[in-house]
Amino acid sequence: MATDVGLLPYQYVVFWIDITVMLLSMGIQAVALIHCLTQRGPAFQALGTLPKGAWAGILAVLLVLSGFLYSTLLITMIGIAAGLIYMLDVRPGLKDISDGKGFW
């Protein structure tokens, strides 16, 4: 009689939730990293936030760690937080600076 590896039913659910959260995290971080890399460096200084290299480094390291340490939910959640902070705080400011309309 063939059996699975002995996982209980709730462990399947936990596994798929972990995979979904990891993929969501990596997607958010990848979009934020690509946007960060395509922006000009002086715009970050004009915005008064971390430099472009710091944002790119944070997002890249967390993206790699989320991929390799997919079982560590803490790293994944930190990656989601960093990606969302960039996308919801820094990106709109960069858009305002590049449009020339200012912050108001």
N, C-alpha and C. Protein backbone atom coordinates (compact mmCIF):
# COMPACT_ATOMS: atom_id res chain seq x y z
N MET A 1 0.84 -1.17 0.00
CA MET A 1 0.00 0.00 0.00
C MET A 1 0.89 1.25 0.00
N ALA A 2 0.74 2.07 -1.02
CA ALA A 2 1.57 3.26 -1.15
C ALA A 2 0.99 4.38 -0.29
N THR A 3 1.86 5.02 0.46
CA THR A 3 1.43 6.15 1.29
C THR A 3 2.31 7.34 0.97
N ASP A 4 1.81 8.50 1.38
CA ASP A 4 2.61 9.72 1.22
C ASP A 4 3.72 9.70 2.25
N VAL A 5 4.41 10.78 2.38
CA VAL A 5 5.53 10.87 3.29
C VAL A 5 5.09 10.95 4.75
N GLY A 6 3.84 10.74 5.01
CA GLY A 6 3.35 10.73 6.37
C GLY A 6 2.90 12.08 6.88
N LEU A 7 2.57 13.01 6.00
CA LEU A 7 2.11 14.32 6.43
C LEU A 7 0.65 14.24 6.86
N LEU A 8 0.36 14.93 7.91
CA LEU A 8 -1.02 15.04 8.37
C LEU A 8 -1.75 16.05 7.50
N PRO A 9 -3.09 15.98 7.45
CA PRO A 9 -3.83 16.89 6.57
C PRO A 9 -3.56 18.37 6.83
N TYR A 10 -3.43 18.78 8.09
CA TYR A 10 -3.19 20.19 8.35
C TYR A 10 -1.80 20.62 7.87
N GLN A 11 -0.85 19.68 7.79
CA GLN A 11 0.48 20.02 7.32
C GLN A 11 0.48 20.36 5.83
N TYR A 12 -0.42 19.77 5.08
CA TYR A 12 -0.58 20.16 3.67
C TYR A 12 -1.06 21.60 3.57
N VAL A 13 -2.01 21.95 4.41
CA VAL A 13 -2.54 23.31 4.40
C VAL A 13 -1.44 24.30 4.78
N VAL A 14 -0.70 24.00 5.82
CA VAL A 14 0.39 24.87 6.25
C VAL A 14 1.43 25.01 5.14
N PHE A 15 1.76 23.91 4.48
CA PHE A 15 2.73 23.94 3.39
C PHE A 15 2.27 24.88 2.28
N TRP A 16 1.02 24.76 1.86
CA TRP A 16 0.53 25.60 0.76
C TRP A 16 0.38 27.06 1.17
N ILE A 17 0.05 27.32 2.41
CA ILE A 17 0.01 28.70 2.89
C ILE A 17 1.42 29.29 2.88
N ASP A 18 2.40 28.54 3.35
CA ASP A 18 3.79 29.01 3.33
C ASP A 18 4.27 29.30 1.91
N ILE A 19 3.96 28.42 0.98
CA ILE A 19 4.37 28.62 -0.42
C ILE A 19 3.69 29.86 -1.00
N THR A 20 2.40 30.04 -0.71
CA THR A 20 1.67 31.20 -1.22
C THR A 20 2.24 32.49 -0.67
N VAL A 21 2.51 32.53 0.63
CA VAL A 21 3.07 33.74 1.25
C VAL A 21 4.46 34.02 0.68
N MET A 22 5.27 32.98 0.49
CA MET A 22 6.61 33.17 -0.06
C MET A 22 6.55 33.74 -1.48
N LEU A 23 5.67 33.18 -2.32
CA LEU A 23 5.57 33.67 -3.69
C LEU A 23 5.03 35.10 -3.74
N LEU A 24 4.07 35.41 -2.88
CA LEU A 24 3.56 36.78 -2.80
C LEU A 24 4.67 37.73 -2.37
N SER A 25 5.42 37.33 -1.37
CA SER A 25 6.52 38.15 -0.88
C SER A 25 7.57 38.38 -1.96
N MET A 26 7.94 37.32 -2.66
CA MET A 26 8.96 37.46 -3.70
C MET A 26 8.45 38.31 -4.85
N GLY A 27 7.18 38.22 -5.17
CA GLY A 27 6.62 39.07 -6.22
C GLY A 27 6.65 40.54 -5.85
N ILE A 28 6.23 40.86 -4.64
CA ILE A 28 6.25 42.25 -4.17
C ILE A 28 7.67 42.78 -4.16
N GLN A 29 8.59 41.99 -3.64
CA GLN A 29 9.98 42.43 -3.55
C GLN A 29 10.62 42.59 -4.93
N ALA A 30 10.28 41.69 -5.85
CA ALA A 30 10.85 41.78 -7.20
C ALA A 30 10.36 43.04 -7.91
N VAL A 31 9.08 43.34 -7.79
CA VAL A 31 8.54 44.55 -8.43
C VAL A 31 9.18 45.79 -7.81
N ALA A 32 9.30 45.81 -6.49
CA ALA A 32 9.92 46.96 -5.82
C ALA A 32 11.39 47.10 -6.22
N LEU A 33 12.11 45.98 -6.31
CA LEU A 33 13.52 46.04 -6.69
C LEU A 33 13.70 46.52 -8.13
N ILE A 34 12.88 46.04 -9.03
CA ILE A 34 12.97 46.47 -10.43
C ILE A 34 12.66 47.96 -10.54
N HIS A 35 11.65 48.42 -9.82
CA HIS A 35 11.32 49.85 -9.85
C HIS A 35 12.47 50.67 -9.27
N CYS A 36 13.05 50.19 -8.18
CA CYS A 36 14.16 50.90 -7.55
C CYS A 36 15.35 51.01 -8.50
N LEU A 37 15.67 49.94 -9.19
CA LEU A 37 16.83 49.94 -10.08
C LEU A 37 16.63 50.82 -11.31
N THR A 38 15.39 51.09 -11.68
CA THR A 38 15.13 51.90 -12.87
C THR A 38 15.00 53.39 -12.56
N GLN A 39 15.12 53.76 -11.29
CA GLN A 39 15.01 55.17 -10.93
C GLN A 39 16.38 55.82 -10.85
N ARG A 40 16.40 57.14 -10.93
CA ARG A 40 17.66 57.87 -10.81
C ARG A 40 18.05 58.03 -9.35
N GLY A 41 19.34 57.96 -9.08
CA GLY A 41 19.85 58.07 -7.72
C GLY A 41 19.57 59.40 -7.04
N PRO A 42 19.75 60.54 -7.73
CA PRO A 42 19.51 61.83 -7.07
C PRO A 42 18.06 62.04 -6.63
N ALA A 43 17.12 61.34 -7.25
CA ALA A 43 15.72 61.49 -6.86
C ALA A 43 15.50 60.97 -5.43
N PHE A 44 16.25 59.96 -5.03
CA PHE A 44 16.12 59.44 -3.67
C PHE A 44 16.63 60.47 -2.67
N GLN A 45 17.72 61.15 -3.02
CA GLN A 45 18.24 62.18 -2.13
C GLN A 45 17.29 63.36 -2.04
N ALA A 46 16.68 63.74 -3.15
CA ALA A 46 15.72 64.84 -3.14
C ALA A 46 14.49 64.49 -2.31
N LEU A 47 14.15 63.23 -2.28
CA LEU A 47 13.00 62.77 -1.51
C LEU A 47 13.31 62.74 -0.02
N GLY A 48 14.57 62.62 0.33
CA GLY A 48 14.97 62.59 1.73
C GLY A 48 14.85 61.21 2.35
N THR A 49 14.97 60.18 1.55
CA THR A 49 14.89 58.81 2.04
C THR A 49 16.26 58.15 1.94
N LEU A 50 16.31 56.87 2.18
CA LEU A 50 17.56 56.14 2.02
C LEU A 50 18.06 56.26 0.59
N PRO A 51 19.37 56.20 0.36
CA PRO A 51 19.88 56.26 -1.00
C PRO A 51 19.42 55.06 -1.83
N LYS A 52 19.54 55.21 -3.12
CA LYS A 52 19.13 54.15 -4.04
C LYS A 52 19.85 52.85 -3.76
N GLY A 53 21.13 52.90 -3.49
CA GLY A 53 21.91 51.70 -3.21
C GLY A 53 21.43 50.97 -1.97
N ALA A 54 21.03 51.73 -0.95
CA ALA A 54 20.54 51.11 0.28
C ALA A 54 19.21 50.39 0.03
N TRP A 55 18.30 51.06 -0.69
CA TRP A 55 17.01 50.41 -1.00
C TRP A 55 17.23 49.18 -1.87
N ALA A 56 18.09 49.30 -2.88
CA ALA A 56 18.35 48.16 -3.76
C ALA A 56 18.98 47.02 -2.97
N GLY A 57 19.90 47.32 -2.08
CA GLY A 57 20.54 46.29 -1.27
C GLY A 57 19.56 45.60 -0.34
N ILE A 58 18.74 46.37 0.34
CA ILE A 58 17.75 45.80 1.26
C ILE A 58 16.80 44.88 0.50
N LEU A 59 16.27 45.39 -0.59
CA LEU A 59 15.29 44.59 -1.35
C LEU A 59 15.94 43.36 -1.98
N ALA A 60 17.15 43.48 -2.48
CA ALA A 60 17.82 42.33 -3.11
C ALA A 60 18.17 41.25 -2.08
N VAL A 61 18.70 41.66 -0.94
CA VAL A 61 19.06 40.68 0.09
C VAL A 61 17.83 39.96 0.60
N LEU A 62 16.76 40.70 0.85
CA LEU A 62 15.55 40.05 1.34
C LEU A 62 14.90 39.17 0.28
N LEU A 63 15.02 39.55 -0.97
CA LEU A 63 14.49 38.71 -2.05
C LEU A 63 15.26 37.38 -2.11
N VAL A 64 16.58 37.45 -2.01
CA VAL A 64 17.39 36.23 -2.04
C VAL A 64 17.12 35.37 -0.81
N LEU A 65 17.05 36.01 0.36
CA LEU A 65 16.79 35.24 1.58
C LEU A 65 15.40 34.61 1.57
N SER A 66 14.43 35.31 1.02
CA SER A 66 13.08 34.75 0.93
C SER A 66 13.07 33.54 0.01
N GLY A 67 13.88 33.56 -1.01
CA GLY A 67 13.94 32.43 -1.93
C GLY A 67 14.65 31.23 -1.35
N PHE A 68 15.74 31.48 -0.61
CA PHE A 68 16.51 30.36 -0.07
C PHE A 68 15.96 29.85 1.26
N LEU A 69 15.42 30.76 2.06
CA LEU A 69 14.91 30.38 3.38
C LEU A 69 13.39 30.41 3.38
N TYR A 70 12.79 29.74 2.43
CA TYR A 70 11.33 29.82 2.29
C TYR A 70 10.59 29.24 3.49
N SER A 71 11.25 28.46 4.31
CA SER A 71 10.58 27.91 5.47
C SER A 71 10.59 28.89 6.65
N THR A 72 11.38 29.96 6.54
CA THR A 72 11.45 30.95 7.61
C THR A 72 10.45 32.06 7.32
N LEU A 73 9.33 32.00 8.00
CA LEU A 73 8.26 32.96 7.74
C LEU A 73 8.65 34.36 8.18
N LEU A 74 9.51 34.50 9.18
CA LEU A 74 9.92 35.82 9.65
C LEU A 74 10.64 36.60 8.55
N ILE A 75 11.57 35.97 7.86
CA ILE A 75 12.28 36.63 6.76
C ILE A 75 11.30 37.03 5.66
N THR A 76 10.36 36.15 5.38
CA THR A 76 9.36 36.44 4.35
C THR A 76 8.52 37.65 4.73
N MET A 77 8.11 37.73 5.98
CA MET A 77 7.28 38.85 6.43
C MET A 77 8.09 40.17 6.44
N ILE A 78 9.36 40.10 6.79
CA ILE A 78 10.21 41.29 6.74
C ILE A 78 10.36 41.74 5.29
N GLY A 79 10.49 40.79 4.38
CA GLY A 79 10.57 41.12 2.96
C GLY A 79 9.31 41.78 2.45
N ILE A 80 8.15 41.28 2.87
CA ILE A 80 6.88 41.90 2.48
C ILE A 80 6.82 43.32 3.02
N ALA A 81 7.22 43.51 4.27
CA ALA A 81 7.18 44.85 4.87
C ALA A 81 8.10 45.81 4.12
N ALA A 82 9.32 45.38 3.81
CA ALA A 82 10.26 46.26 3.10
C ALA A 82 9.74 46.59 1.70
N GLY A 83 9.22 45.59 1.00
CA GLY A 83 8.68 45.83 -0.33
C GLY A 83 7.49 46.78 -0.31
N LEU A 84 6.59 46.59 0.66
CA LEU A 84 5.42 47.46 0.75
C LEU A 84 5.78 48.88 1.19
N ILE A 85 6.76 49.02 2.07
CA ILE A 85 7.20 50.36 2.46
C ILE A 85 7.75 51.09 1.25
N TYR A 86 8.55 50.39 0.46
CA TYR A 86 9.08 51.02 -0.75
C TYR A 86 7.95 51.39 -1.71
N MET A 87 7.06 50.43 -1.97
CA MET A 87 6.01 50.64 -2.97
C MET A 87 4.98 51.68 -2.54
N LEU A 88 4.67 51.77 -1.25
CA LEU A 88 3.62 52.65 -0.77
C LEU A 88 4.13 54.00 -0.25
N ASP A 89 5.42 54.10 0.03
CA ASP A 89 5.96 55.34 0.56
C ASP A 89 6.96 56.00 -0.39
N VAL A 90 7.95 55.25 -0.82
CA VAL A 90 9.03 55.82 -1.62
C VAL A 90 8.59 56.02 -3.08
N ARG A 91 7.93 55.03 -3.66
CA ARG A 91 7.56 55.10 -5.07
C ARG A 91 6.66 56.29 -5.39
N PRO A 92 5.61 56.58 -4.59
CA PRO A 92 4.81 57.77 -4.90
C PRO A 92 5.61 59.07 -4.82
N GLY A 93 6.54 59.14 -3.86
CA GLY A 93 7.39 60.33 -3.77
C GLY A 93 8.29 60.47 -4.97
N LEU A 94 8.85 59.37 -5.44
CA LEU A 94 9.69 59.41 -6.64
C LEU A 94 8.87 59.82 -7.86
N LYS A 95 7.63 59.37 -7.91
CA LYS A 95 6.76 59.73 -9.03
C LYS A 95 6.47 61.23 -9.01
N ASP A 96 6.21 61.78 -7.82
CA ASP A 96 5.96 63.22 -7.72
C ASP A 96 7.18 64.02 -8.13
N ILE A 97 8.36 63.57 -7.75
CA ILE A 97 9.59 64.29 -8.11
C ILE A 97 9.84 64.21 -9.62
N SER A 98 9.62 63.06 -10.20
CA SER A 98 9.91 62.92 -11.63
C SER A 98 8.88 63.65 -12.49
N ASP A 99 7.66 63.83 -12.00
CA ASP A 99 6.65 64.57 -12.75
C ASP A 99 6.88 66.08 -12.65
N GLY A 100 7.62 66.51 -11.63
CA GLY A 100 7.88 67.93 -11.46
C GLY A 100 6.74 68.68 -10.80
N LYS A 101 5.78 67.99 -10.22
CA LYS A 101 4.62 68.63 -9.62
C LYS A 101 4.83 68.91 -8.13
N GLY A 102 5.89 68.39 -7.56
CA GLY A 102 6.14 68.62 -6.14
C GLY A 102 5.37 67.63 -5.28
N PHE A 103 5.40 67.85 -3.98
CA PHE A 103 4.80 66.92 -3.04
C PHE A 103 3.34 67.24 -2.74
N TRP A 104 2.87 68.38 -3.08
CA TRP A 104 1.50 68.69 -2.72
C TRP A 104 0.67 68.40 -3.90
